[in-house]
PDB file of N, CA and C in Angstrom:
ATOM      1  N   MET A   1    -193.680 143.067 128.676  1.00  0.00           N
ATOM      2  CA  MET A   1    -193.026 141.416 128.270  1.00  0.00           C
ATOM      3  C   MET A   1    -191.680 141.412 128.800  1.00  0.00           C
ATOM      4  N   THR A   2    -191.251 140.429 129.182  1.00  0.00           N
ATOM      5  CA  THR A   2    -189.954 139.863 129.922  1.00  0.00           C
ATOM      6  C   THR A   2    -189.197 139.623 128.370  1.00  0.00           C
ATOM      7  N   ALA A   3    -188.022 139.976 128.895  1.00  0.00           N
ATOM      8  CA  ALA A   3    -186.520 139.219 127.710  1.00  0.00           C
ATOM      9  C   ALA A   3    -186.913 137.905 127.146  1.00  0.00           C
ATOM     10  N   VAL A   4    -187.549 136.930 128.270  1.00  0.00           N
ATOM     11  CA  VAL A   4    -187.409 135.759 128.074  1.00  0.00           C
ATOM     12  C   VAL A   4    -188.487 135.173 127.399  1.00  0.00           C
ATOM     13  N   SER A   5    -189.616 135.896 127.655  1.00  0.00           N
ATOM     14  CA  SER A   5    -191.150 135.588 126.911  1.00  0.00           C
ATOM     15  C   SER A   5    -190.631 136.300 125.620  1.00  0.00           C
ATOM     16  N   THR A   6    -189.863 137.090 125.193  1.00  0.00           N
ATOM     17  CA  THR A   6    -189.881 138.255 124.000  1.00  0.00           C
ATOM     18  C   THR A   6    -188.825 137.089 122.860  1.00  0.00           C
ATOM     19  N   TYR A   7    -187.758 136.584 123.699  1.00  0.00           N
ATOM     20  CA  TYR A   7    -186.988 135.863 123.093  1.00  0.00           C
ATOM     21  C   TYR A   7    -187.528 134.090 122.768  1.00  0.00           C
ATOM     22  N   PHE A   8    -188.664 134.218 123.664  1.00  0.00           N
ATOM     23  CA  PHE A   8    -189.495 132.326 123.137  1.00  0.00           C
ATOM     24  C   PHE A   8    -190.146 132.624 122.157  1.00  0.00           C
ATOM     25  N   TYR A   9    -191.001 134.119 122.388  1.00  0.00           N
ATOM     26  CA  TYR A   9    -191.846 134.547 120.866  1.00  0.00           C
ATOM     27  C   TYR A   9    -191.069 134.452 119.505  1.00  0.00           C
ATOM     28  N   LEU A  10    -189.985 134.985 119.757  1.00  0.00           N
ATOM     29  CA  LEU A  10    -189.162 135.475 118.518  1.00  0.00           C
ATOM     30  C   LEU A  10    -188.568 133.643 117.771  1.00  0.00           C
ATOM     31  N   GLY A  11    -188.286 132.485 118.840  1.00  0.00           N
ATOM     32  CA  GLY A  11    -188.286 131.657 118.574  1.00  0.00           C
ATOM     33  C   GLY A  11    -188.742 130.651 118.006  1.00  0.00           C
ATOM     34  N   THR A  12    -190.663 130.671 118.634  1.00  0.00           N
ATOM     35  CA  THR A  12    -191.206 129.919 118.291  1.00  0.00           C
ATOM     36  C   THR A  12    -191.688 130.352 116.506  1.00  0.00           C
ATOM     37  N   ALA A  13    -191.669 131.943 116.563  1.00  0.00           N
ATOM     38  CA  ALA A  13    -191.722 132.368 115.131  1.00  0.00           C
ATOM     39  C   ALA A  13    -190.872 131.770 114.489  1.00  0.00           C
ATOM     40  N   ILE A  14    -189.578 131.873 114.751  1.00  0.00           N
ATOM     41  CA  ILE A  14    -188.727 130.977 113.464  1.00  0.00           C
ATOM     42  C   ILE A  14    -188.873 129.742 113.577  1.00  0.00           C
ATOM     43  N   VAL A  15    -188.874 128.788 114.366  1.00  0.00           N
ATOM     44  CA  VAL A  15    -189.560 127.399 114.261  1.00  0.00           C
ATOM     45  C   VAL A  15    -190.453 127.257 113.348  1.00  0.00           C
ATOM     46  N   ALA A  16    -191.486 127.926 113.456  1.00  0.00           N
ATOM     47  CA  ALA A  16    -192.562 127.789 112.677  1.00  0.00           C
ATOM     48  C   ALA A  16    -191.993 128.271 111.360  1.00  0.00           C
ATOM     49  N   GLU A  17    -191.636 129.211 111.195  1.00  0.00           N
ATOM     50  CA  GLU A  17    -191.091 129.592 109.519  1.00  0.00           C
ATOM     51  C   GLU A  17    -190.539 128.625 109.022  1.00  0.00           C
ATOM     52  N   VAL A  18    -189.410 128.054 109.693  1.00  0.00           N
ATOM     53  CA  VAL A  18    -188.877 127.008 109.275  1.00  0.00           C
ATOM     54  C   VAL A  18    -189.844 125.567 108.967  1.00  0.00           C
ATOM     55  N   ILE A  19    -190.591 125.164 109.585  1.00  0.00           N
ATOM     56  CA  ILE A  19    -191.589 124.183 109.496  1.00  0.00           C
ATOM     57  C   ILE A  19    -192.430 124.603 108.026  1.00  0.00           C
ATOM     58  N   ALA A  20    -192.957 125.673 108.056  1.00  0.00           N
ATOM     59  CA  ALA A  20    -193.961 126.023 106.932  1.00  0.00           C
ATOM     60  C   ALA A  20    -193.061 126.104 105.337  1.00  0.00           C
ATOM     61  N   THR A  21    -191.610 126.825 105.692  1.00  0.00           N
ATOM     62  CA  THR A  21    -190.939 126.835 104.583  1.00  0.00           C
ATOM     63  C   THR A  21    -190.371 125.136 103.813  1.00  0.00           C
ATOM     64  N   SER A  22    -190.483 124.216 104.616  1.00  0.00           N
ATOM     65  CA  SER A  22    -190.215 123.100 104.654  1.00  0.00           C
ATOM     66  C   SER A  22    -191.614 122.534 104.235  1.00  0.00           C
ATOM     67  N   ALA A  23    -192.335 122.300 104.331  1.00  0.00           N
ATOM     68  CA  ALA A  23    -193.922 121.940 104.323  1.00  0.00           C
ATOM     69  C   ALA A  23    -194.242 122.854 102.747  1.00  0.00           C
ATOM     70  N   LEU A  24    -193.669 123.656 102.166  1.00  0.00           N
ATOM     71  CA  LEU A  24    -193.616 124.929 101.012  1.00  0.00           C
ATOM     72  C   LEU A  24    -193.134 124.045  99.905  1.00  0.00           C
ATOM     73  N   LYS A  25    -192.038 123.328 100.344  1.00  0.00           N
ATOM     74  CA  LYS A  25    -191.067 122.603  99.422  1.00  0.00           C
ATOM     75  C   LYS A  25    -191.854 121.323  99.218  1.00  0.00           C
ATOM     76  N   ALA A  26    -192.668 120.920 100.070  1.00  0.00           N
ATOM     77  CA  ALA A  26    -193.346 119.314  99.960  1.00  0.00           C
ATOM     78  C   ALA A  26    -194.724 119.570  99.352  1.00  0.00           C
ATOM     79  N   CYS A  27    -195.320 120.904  99.165  1.00  0.00           N
ATOM     80  CA  CYS A  27    -196.684 121.042  98.681  1.00  0.00           C
ATOM     81  C   CYS A  27    -196.696 120.911  96.776  1.00  0.00           C
ATOM     82  N   ASP A  28    -195.760 120.801  96.461  1.00  0.00           N
ATOM     83  CA  ASP A  28    -195.442 120.866  94.978  1.00  0.00           C
ATOM     84  C   ASP A  28    -196.766 121.792  94.493  1.00  0.00           C
ATOM     85  N   GLY A  29    -196.096 123.179  94.972  1.00  0.00           N
ATOM     86  CA  GLY A  29    -197.260 124.023  93.784  1.00  0.00           C
ATOM     87  C   GLY A  29    -198.373 124.240  94.280  1.00  0.00           C
ATOM     88  N   PHE A  30    -198.488 123.987  95.602  1.00  0.00           N
ATOM     89  CA  PHE A  30    -200.383 123.691  96.417  1.00  0.00           C
ATOM     90  C   PHE A  30    -200.761 122.931  95.696  1.00  0.00           C
ATOM     91  N   THR A  31    -200.486 121.653  95.049  1.00  0.00           N
ATOM     92  CA  THR A  31    -201.322 120.638  94.784  1.00  0.00           C
ATOM     93  C   THR A  31    -201.240 119.619  95.334  1.00  0.00           C
ATOM     94  N   LYS A  32    -200.737 119.146  96.958  1.00  0.00           N
ATOM     95  CA  LYS A  32    -200.690 118.674  97.902  1.00  0.00           C
ATOM     96  C   LYS A  32    -201.358 119.008  99.106  1.00  0.00           C
ATOM     97  N   ILE A  33    -202.437 118.527  99.381  1.00  0.00           N
ATOM     98  CA  ILE A  33    -203.007 119.482 100.537  1.00  0.00           C
ATOM     99  C   ILE A  33    -202.841 119.539 101.970  1.00  0.00           C
ATOM    100  N   VAL A  34    -201.913 118.474 102.057  1.00  0.00           N
ATOM    101  CA  VAL A  34    -201.624 118.448 103.807  1.00  0.00           C
ATOM    102  C   VAL A  34    -200.802 119.237 103.686  1.00  0.00           C
ATOM    103  N   PRO A  35    -199.526 118.979 102.766  1.00  0.00           N
ATOM    104  CA  PRO A  35    -198.509 120.103 102.830  1.00  0.00           C
ATOM    105  C   PRO A  35    -198.808 121.800 102.785  1.00  0.00           C
ATOM    106  N   THR A  36    -200.114 122.015 101.787  1.00  0.00           N
ATOM    107  CA  THR A  36    -200.253 122.985 101.598  1.00  0.00           C
ATOM    108  C   THR A  36    -200.874 123.639 103.044  1.00  0.00           C
ATOM    109  N   LEU A  37    -201.663 122.313 103.817  1.00  0.00           N
ATOM    110  CA  LEU A  37    -202.875 123.588 104.892  1.00  0.00           C
ATOM    111  C   LEU A  37    -201.844 123.616 105.587  1.00  0.00           C
ATOM    112  N   MET A  38    -200.214 122.702 105.742  1.00  0.00           N
ATOM    113  CA  MET A  38    -199.278 122.920 106.958  1.00  0.00           C
ATOM    114  C   MET A  38    -198.581 124.396 106.738  1.00  0.00           C
ATOM    115  N   THR A  39    -198.318 124.584 105.175  1.00  0.00           N
ATOM    116  CA  THR A  39    -197.299 125.639 104.992  1.00  0.00           C
ATOM    117  C   THR A  39    -198.243 127.351 105.371  1.00  0.00           C
ATOM    118  N   ILE A  40    -199.676 127.284 104.951  1.00  0.00           N
ATOM    119  CA  ILE A  40    -200.464 128.234 105.655  1.00  0.00           C
ATOM    120  C   ILE A  40    -200.400 128.421 107.223  1.00  0.00           C
ATOM    121  N   GLY A  41    -200.575 127.202 107.925  1.00  0.00           N
ATOM    122  CA  GLY A  41    -200.749 127.195 109.187  1.00  0.00           C
ATOM    123  C   GLY A  41    -199.528 127.574 110.127  1.00  0.00           C
ATOM    124  N   PHE A  42    -198.646 127.385 109.832  1.00  0.00           N
ATOM    125  CA  PHE A  42    -197.300 127.540 110.345  1.00  0.00           C
ATOM    126  C   PHE A  42    -196.956 128.950 109.899  1.00  0.00           C
ATOM    127  N   TYR A  43    -197.374 129.330 108.551  1.00  0.00           N
ATOM    128  CA  TYR A  43    -196.725 130.964 108.424  1.00  0.00           C
ATOM    129  C   TYR A  43    -197.410 131.978 109.324  1.00  0.00           C
ATOM    130  N   LEU A  44    -198.580 131.805 109.273  1.00  0.00           N
ATOM    131  CA  LEU A  44    -200.011 131.925 110.395  1.00  0.00           C
ATOM    132  C   LEU A  44    -199.009 132.164 111.608  1.00  0.00           C
ATOM    133  N   VAL A  45    -198.719 130.974 112.500  1.00  0.00           N
ATOM    134  CA  VAL A  45    -198.043 130.874 113.466  1.00  0.00           C
ATOM    135  C   VAL A  45    -197.025 131.804 113.668  1.00  0.00           C
ATOM    136  N   ALA A  46    -196.358 131.875 112.172  1.00  0.00           N
ATOM    137  CA  ALA A  46    -194.991 132.884 112.093  1.00  0.00           C
ATOM    138  C   ALA A  46    -195.187 134.165 112.679  1.00  0.00           C
ATOM    139  N   PHE A  47    -196.121 134.222 111.687  1.00  0.00           N
ATOM    140  CA  PHE A  47    -196.190 136.027 112.003  1.00  0.00           C
ATOM    141  C   PHE A  47    -196.954 136.409 113.071  1.00  0.00           C
ATOM    142  N   TRP A  48    -197.669 135.610 113.755  1.00  0.00           N
ATOM    143  CA  TRP A  48    -198.629 135.887 114.871  1.00  0.00           C
ATOM    144  C   TRP A  48    -197.537 136.125 116.012  1.00  0.00           C
ATOM    145  N   PHE A  49    -196.721 134.908 116.042  1.00  0.00           N
ATOM    146  CA  PHE A  49    -195.519 135.643 117.252  1.00  0.00           C
ATOM    147  C   PHE A  49    -194.543 136.075 116.644  1.00  0.00           C
ATOM    148  N   LEU A  50    -194.379 136.537 115.320  1.00  0.00           N
ATOM    149  CA  LEU A  50    -193.403 137.333 115.335  1.00  0.00           C
ATOM    150  C   LEU A  50    -193.943 138.959 115.664  1.00  0.00           C
ATOM    151  N   SER A  51    -195.071 138.733 115.630  1.00  0.00           N
ATOM    152  CA  SER A  51    -196.132 140.150 115.487  1.00  0.00           C
ATOM    153  C   SER A  51    -195.752 140.605 117.259  1.00  0.00           C
ATOM    154  N   LEU A  52    -195.962 139.335 117.809  1.00  0.00           N
ATOM    155  CA  LEU A  52    -195.644 139.896 119.423  1.00  0.00           C
ATOM    156  C   LEU A  52    -194.364 140.044 120.018  1.00  0.00           C
ATOM    157  N   THR A  53    -193.644 139.390 119.472  1.00  0.00           N
ATOM    158  CA  THR A  53    -192.106 139.897 119.318  1.00  0.00           C
ATOM    159  C   THR A  53    -191.635 141.443 119.419  1.00  0.00           C
ATOM    160  N   LEU A  54    -192.600 141.977 118.033  1.00  0.00           N
ATOM    161  CA  LEU A  54    -192.487 143.187 117.889  1.00  0.00           C
ATOM    162  C   LEU A  54    -192.746 144.396 118.826  1.00  0.00           C
ATOM    163  N   LYS A  55    -193.971 143.544 119.728  1.00  0.00           N
ATOM    164  CA  LYS A  55    -194.044 144.383 120.764  1.00  0.00           C
ATOM    165  C   LYS A  55    -193.061 145.271 121.898  1.00  0.00           C
ATOM    166  N   SER A  56    -191.866 144.429 121.426  1.00  0.00           N
ATOM    167  CA  SER A  56    -190.957 144.694 122.877  1.00  0.00           C
ATOM    168  C   SER A  56    -189.567 145.108 121.944  1.00  0.00           C
ATOM    169  N   MET A  57    -189.334 144.671 120.818  1.00  0.00           N
ATOM    170  CA  MET A  57    -188.087 144.891 120.044  1.00  0.00           C
ATOM    171  C   MET A  57    -188.347 145.934 119.343  1.00  0.00           C
ATOM    172  N   PRO A  58    -187.229 146.455 118.704  1.00  0.00           N
ATOM    173  CA  PRO A  58    -187.318 147.252 117.185  1.00  0.00           C
ATOM    174  C   PRO A  58    -187.334 146.313 116.013  1.00  0.00           C
ATOM    175  N   THR A  59    -188.041 146.732 115.068  1.00  0.00           N
ATOM    176  CA  THR A  59    -188.828 145.842 114.154  1.00  0.00           C
ATOM    177  C   THR A  59    -187.268 145.072 113.247  1.00  0.00           C
ATOM    178  N   GLY A  60    -186.548 146.465 112.904  1.00  0.00           N
ATOM    179  CA  GLY A  60    -184.972 145.888 112.310  1.00  0.00           C
ATOM    180  C   GLY A  60    -184.590 144.844 112.417  1.00  0.00           C
ATOM    181  N   ILE A  61    -184.144 144.340 114.047  1.00  0.00           N
ATOM    182  CA  ILE A  61    -183.323 143.928 114.843  1.00  0.00           C
ATOM    183  C   ILE A  61    -184.136 142.555 114.565  1.00  0.00           C
ATOM    184  N   VAL A  62    -185.466 142.871 114.893  1.00  0.00           N
ATOM    185  CA  VAL A  62    -185.957 141.615 115.078  1.00  0.00           C
ATOM    186  C   VAL A  62    -186.061 140.614 113.699  1.00  0.00           C
ATOM    187  N   TYR A  63    -186.491 141.126 112.828  1.00  0.00           N
ATOM    188  CA  TYR A  63    -186.143 140.981 111.073  1.00  0.00           C
ATOM    189  C   TYR A  63    -184.944 140.371 111.040  1.00  0.00           C
ATOM    190  N   GLY A  64    -183.871 141.163 111.562  1.00  0.00           N
ATOM    191  CA  GLY A  64    -182.590 140.352 111.196  1.00  0.00           C
ATOM    192  C   GLY A  64    -182.655 138.760 111.907  1.00  0.00           C
ATOM    193  N   ILE A  65    -182.706 138.823 112.970  1.00  0.00           N
ATOM    194  CA  ILE A  65    -182.200 137.782 113.941  1.00  0.00           C
ATOM    195  C   ILE A  65    -183.155 136.713 113.423  1.00  0.00           C
ATOM    196  N   TRP A  66    -184.891 137.025 112.905  1.00  0.00           N
ATOM    197  CA  TRP A  66    -185.498 136.091 112.254  1.00  0.00           C
ATOM    198  C   TRP A  66    -185.160 135.611 111.117  1.00  0.00           C
ATOM    199  N   SER A  67    -184.935 136.292 110.382  1.00  0.00           N
ATOM    200  CA  SER A  67    -184.384 136.040 108.891  1.00  0.00           C
ATOM    201  C   SER A  67    -182.970 135.080 108.863  1.00  0.00           C
ATOM    202  N   GLY A  68    -181.937 135.532 109.605  1.00  0.00           N
ATOM    203  CA  GLY A  68    -180.678 135.276 109.831  1.00  0.00           C
ATOM    204  C   GLY A  68    -180.707 133.896 110.401  1.00  0.00           C
ATOM    205  N   VAL A  69    -181.164 133.849 111.260  1.00  0.00           N
ATOM    206  CA  VAL A  69    -181.228 132.101 111.918  1.00  0.00           C
ATOM    207  C   VAL A  69    -182.110 131.247 111.496  1.00  0.00           C
ATOM    208  N   GLY A  70    -183.096 131.569 110.891  1.00  0.00           N
ATOM    209  CA  GLY A  70    -184.420 131.153 109.676  1.00  0.00           C
ATOM    210  C   GLY A  70    -183.482 130.887 108.478  1.00  0.00           C
ATOM    211  N   ILE A  71    -182.825 131.280 108.197  1.00  0.00           N
ATOM    212  CA  ILE A  71    -181.896 130.842 107.220  1.00  0.00           C
ATOM    213  C   ILE A  71    -181.179 129.696 107.037  1.00  0.00           C
ATOM    214  N   VAL A  72    -180.041 129.988 108.393  1.00  0.00           N
ATOM    215  CA  VAL A  72    -179.187 128.799 108.818  1.00  0.00           C
ATOM    216  C   VAL A  72    -180.236 127.870 109.228  1.00  0.00           C
ATOM    217  N   LEU A  73    -181.183 128.043 109.703  1.00  0.00           N
ATOM    218  CA  LEU A  73    -182.018 126.735 110.200  1.00  0.00           C
ATOM    219  C   LEU A  73    -182.453 125.477 108.768  1.00  0.00           C
ATOM    220  N   ILE A  74    -183.260 126.715 107.691  1.00  0.00           N
ATOM    221  CA  ILE A  74    -183.754 125.887 106.721  1.00  0.00           C
ATOM    222  C   ILE A  74    -182.556 125.307 106.059  1.00  0.00           C
ATOM    223  N   CYS A  75    -181.502 126.110 106.137  1.00  0.00           N
ATOM    224  CA  CYS A  75    -180.246 124.971 104.997  1.00  0.00           C
ATOM    225  C   CYS A  75    -180.085 123.785 105.658  1.00  0.00           C
ATOM    226  N   ALA A  76    -180.069 123.994 107.054  1.00  0.00           N
ATOM    227  CA  ALA A  76    -179.982 122.649 108.229  1.00  0.00           C
ATOM    228  C   ALA A  76    -180.729 121.582 107.580  1.00  0.00           C
ATOM    229  N   VAL A  77    -181.891 122.296 107.799  1.00  0.00           N
ATOM    230  CA  VAL A  77    -183.288 121.103 107.081  1.00  0.00           C
ATOM    231  C   VAL A  77    -183.236 120.413 105.694  1.00  0.00           C
ATOM    232  N   SER A  78    -182.698 121.351 105.212  1.00  0.00           N
ATOM    233  CA  SER A  78    -182.501 121.388 103.486  1.00  0.00           C
ATOM    234  C   SER A  78    -181.519 119.782 103.504  1.00  0.00           C
ATOM    235  N   TRP A  79    -180.442 119.956 104.241  1.00  0.00           N
ATOM    236  CA  TRP A  79    -179.157 119.331 103.837  1.00  0.00           C
ATOM    237  C   TRP A  79    -179.546 118.061 104.441  1.00  0.00           C
ATOM    238  N   ILE A  80    -180.369 118.011 105.837  1.00  0.00           N
ATOM    239  CA  ILE A  80    -180.509 116.998 106.364  1.00  0.00           C
ATOM    240  C   ILE A  80    -182.004 116.115 105.483  1.00  0.00           C
ATOM    241  N   TRP A  81    -182.857 116.861 105.592  1.00  0.00           N
ATOM    242  CA  TRP A  81    -183.905 116.183 105.291  1.00  0.00           C
ATOM    243  C   TRP A  81    -184.259 116.094 103.986  1.00  0.00           C
ATOM    244  N   PHE A  82    -183.866 117.021 102.766  1.00  0.00           N
ATOM    245  CA  PHE A  82    -183.845 116.897 100.747  1.00  0.00           C
ATOM    246  C   PHE A  82    -182.525 116.693 100.465  1.00  0.00           C
ATOM    247  N   LYS A  83    -181.844 116.148 101.298  1.00  0.00           N
ATOM    248  CA  LYS A  83    -180.390 116.116 100.470  1.00  0.00           C
ATOM    249  C   LYS A  83    -179.835 117.104  99.611  1.00  0.00           C
ATOM    250  N   GLN A  84    -179.980 118.373 100.141  1.00  0.00           N
ATOM    251  CA  GLN A  84    -178.844 119.443  99.447  1.00  0.00           C
ATOM    252  C   GLN A  84    -178.091 119.715 100.185  1.00  0.00           C
ATOM    253  N   THR A  85    -176.713 119.393  99.599  1.00  0.00           N
ATOM    254  CA  THR A  85    -175.663 119.692 100.180  1.00  0.00           C
ATOM    255  C   THR A  85    -175.230 121.123 100.149  1.00  0.00           C
ATOM    256  N   LEU A  86    -174.356 121.475 100.807  1.00  0.00           N
ATOM    257  CA  LEU A  86    -173.834 123.008 100.895  1.00  0.00           C
ATOM    258  C   LEU A  86    -172.356 122.784 100.569  1.00  0.00           C
ATOM    259  N   ASP A  87    -171.621 123.502  99.951  1.00  0.00           N
ATOM    260  CA  ASP A  87    -169.985 123.448  99.648  1.00  0.00           C
ATOM    261  C   ASP A  87    -169.831 124.647 100.753  1.00  0.00           C
ATOM    262  N   ILE A  88    -168.330 124.515 100.752  1.00  0.00           N
ATOM    263  CA  ILE A  88    -167.790 125.414 101.413  1.00  0.00           C
ATOM    264  C   ILE A  88    -167.920 126.903 101.132  1.00  0.00           C
ATOM    265  N   PRO A  89    -167.953 127.493 100.641  1.00  0.00           N
ATOM    266  CA  PRO A  89    -168.635 129.106 100.060  1.00  0.00           C
ATOM    267  C   PRO A  89    -170.348 129.203 101.476  1.00  0.00           C
ATOM    268  N   ALA A  90    -170.891 127.981 100.923  1.00  0.00           N
ATOM    269  CA  ALA A  90    -172.177 128.315 101.447  1.00  0.00           C
ATOM    270  C   ALA A  90    -172.060 128.313 103.065  1.00  0.00           C
ATOM    271  N   LEU A  91    -171.144 127.370 103.467  1.00  0.00           N
ATOM    272  CA  LEU A  91    -170.854 127.384 104.745  1.00  0.00           C
ATOM    273  C   LEU A  91    -170.194 128.269 105.620  1.00  0.00           C
ATOM    274  N   VAL A  92    -169.177 128.884 104.835  1.00  0.00           N
ATOM    275  CA  VAL A  92    -168.721 130.074 105.523  1.00  0.00           C
ATOM    276  C   VAL A  92    -169.289 131.380 105.486  1.00  0.00           C
ATOM    277  N   GLY A  93    -170.780 131.342 104.247  1.00  0.00           N
ATOM    278  CA  GLY A  93    -171.550 132.692 104.734  1.00  0.00           C
ATOM    279  C   GLY A  93    -172.636 132.445 105.364  1.00  0.00           C
ATOM    280  N   LEU A  94    -173.264 131.008 105.765  1.00  0.00           N
ATOM    281  CA  LEU A  94    -173.852 130.775 106.751  1.00  0.00           C
ATOM    282  C   LEU A  94    -173.023 131.256 108.283  1.00  0.00           C
ATOM    283  N   GLY A  95    -171.740 130.521 108.074  1.00  0.00           N
ATOM    284  CA  GLY A  95    -171.393 130.995 109.489  1.00  0.00           C
ATOM    285  C   GLY A  95    -170.908 132.751 109.628  1.00  0.00           C
ATOM    286  N   LEU A  96    -170.791 133.456 108.464  1.00  0.00           N
ATOM    287  CA  LEU A  96    -171.245 134.964 108.582  1.00  0.00           C
ATOM    288  C   LEU A  96    -172.269 135.125 109.268  1.00  0.00           C
ATOM    289  N   ILE A  97    -173.094 134.914 108.447  1.00  0.00           N
ATOM    290  CA  ILE A  97    -174.849 135.231 109.183  1.00  0.00           C
ATOM    291  C   ILE A  97    -175.128 134.671 110.435  1.00  0.00           C
ATOM    292  N   VAL A  98    -174.796 133.559 111.108  1.00  0.00           N
ATOM    293  CA  VAL A  98    -174.513 132.991 112.626  1.00  0.00           C
ATOM    294  C   VAL A  98    -174.080 134.108 113.164  1.00  0.00           C
ATOM    295  N   LEU A  99    -172.569 134.565 112.674  1.00  0.00           N
ATOM    296  CA  LEU A  99    -171.719 135.781 113.532  1.00  0.00           C
ATOM    297  C   LEU A  99    -172.629 137.150 113.935  1.00  0.00           C
ATOM    298  N   GLY A 100    -173.085 137.317 112.463  1.00  0.00           N
ATOM    299  CA  GLY A 100    -174.002 138.641 112.484  1.00  0.00           C
ATOM    300  C   GLY A 100    -174.949 138.830 113.348  1.00  0.00           C
ATOM    301  N   VAL A 101    -175.648 137.824 113.930  1.00  0.00           N
ATOM    302  CA  VAL A 101    -176.487 137.688 114.691  1.00  0.00           C
ATOM    303  C   VAL A 101    -176.275 137.860 116.003  1.00  0.00           C
ATOM    304  N   VAL A 102    -175.365 137.024 116.126  1.00  0.00           N
ATOM    305  CA  VAL A 102    -174.474 136.684 117.849  1.00  0.00           C
ATOM    306  C   VAL A 102    -173.855 138.262 117.873  1.00  0.00           C
ATOM    307  N   VAL A 103    -173.401 138.963 117.114  1.00  0.00           N
ATOM    308  CA  VAL A 103    -172.839 140.542 117.239  1.00  0.00           C
ATOM    309  C   VAL A 103    -173.848 141.148 117.589  1.00  0.00           C
ATOM    310  N   VAL A 104    -175.011 141.374 117.016  1.00  0.00           N
ATOM    311  CA  VAL A 104    -176.320 142.379 117.083  1.00  0.00           C
ATOM    312  C   VAL A 104    -176.752 142.028 118.702  1.00  0.00           C
ATOM    313  N   ASN A 105    -176.867 140.391 118.942  1.00  0.00           N
ATOM    314  CA  ASN A 105    -177.537 140.302 119.622  1.00  0.00           C
ATOM    315  C   ASN A 105    -176.644 140.508 121.099  1.00  0.00           C
ATOM    316  N   LEU A 106    -175.449 140.899 121.210  1.00  0.00           N
ATOM    317  CA  LEU A 106    -174.462 140.815 122.087  1.00  0.00           C
ATOM    318  C   LEU A 106    -173.777 142.364 122.186  1.00  0.00           C
ATOM    319  N   PHE A 107    -173.829 142.946 121.535  1.00  0.00           N
ATOM    320  CA  PHE A 107    -173.071 144.146 121.448  1.00  0.00           C
ATOM    321  C   PHE A 107    -174.081 145.556 120.787  1.00  0.00           C
ATOM    322  N   SER A 108    -175.302 144.849 120.154  1.00  0.00           N
ATOM    323  CA  SER A 108    -176.235 146.519 119.932  1.00  0.00           C
ATOM    324  C   SER A 108    -176.791 146.639 121.023  1.00  0.00           C
ATOM    325  N   LYS A 109    -176.806 148.215 120.916  1.00  0.00           N
ATOM    326  CA  LYS A 109    -178.081 148.688 122.444  1.00  0.00           C
ATOM    327  C   LYS A 109    -179.486 149.046 121.682  1.00  0.00           C
ATOM    328  N   SER A 110    -179.339 148.411 120.476  1.00  0.00           N
ATOM    329  CA  SER A 110    -180.776 148.565 120.178  1.00  0.00           C
ATOM    330  C   SER A 110    -181.370 146.969 120.841  1.00  0.00           C
ATOM    331  N   VAL A 111    -180.799 146.076 121.098  1.00  0.00           N
ATOM    332  CA  VAL A 111    -181.787 145.224 121.339  1.00  0.00           C
ATOM    333  C   VAL A 111    -182.190 145.210 123.054  1.00  0.00           C
ATOM    334  N   SER A 112    -181.706 145.849 123.552  1.00  0.00           N
ATOM    335  CA  SER A 112    -181.933 146.282 125.136  1.00  0.00           C
ATOM    336  C   SER A 112    -183.507 146.265 124.995  1.00  0.00           C
ATOM    337  N   LEU A 113    -183.975 145.023 126.151  1.00  0.00           N
ATOM    338  CA  LEU A 113    -185.078 144.824 126.586  1.00  0.00           C
ATOM    339  C   LEU A 113    -186.009 145.847 127.416  1.00  0.00           C
TER     340      LEU A 113
END
């Protein structure tokens, strides 16, 4: 598996997880069928692509990138879509998460594909 396909699979897993989590907010305790089906479907897609990524990258690194980028993206979606504001400490913390993901990808020998 090439590095491009690995990161494509990881990116797809992250986007699917963000969509699923956004739909989870809208499914109102699984009482609304369309958001519920979207949640289930996109989580399945997310985990399938995550499993493909794990074929060529270490589990801890994959999970760190997946969760870190996912946290930042779901916060952005929540801010824009659900009007949930973030204060300065939250933004600083999210910045540190982004910095951590960048450090892992640029400097860790564990990421080599």
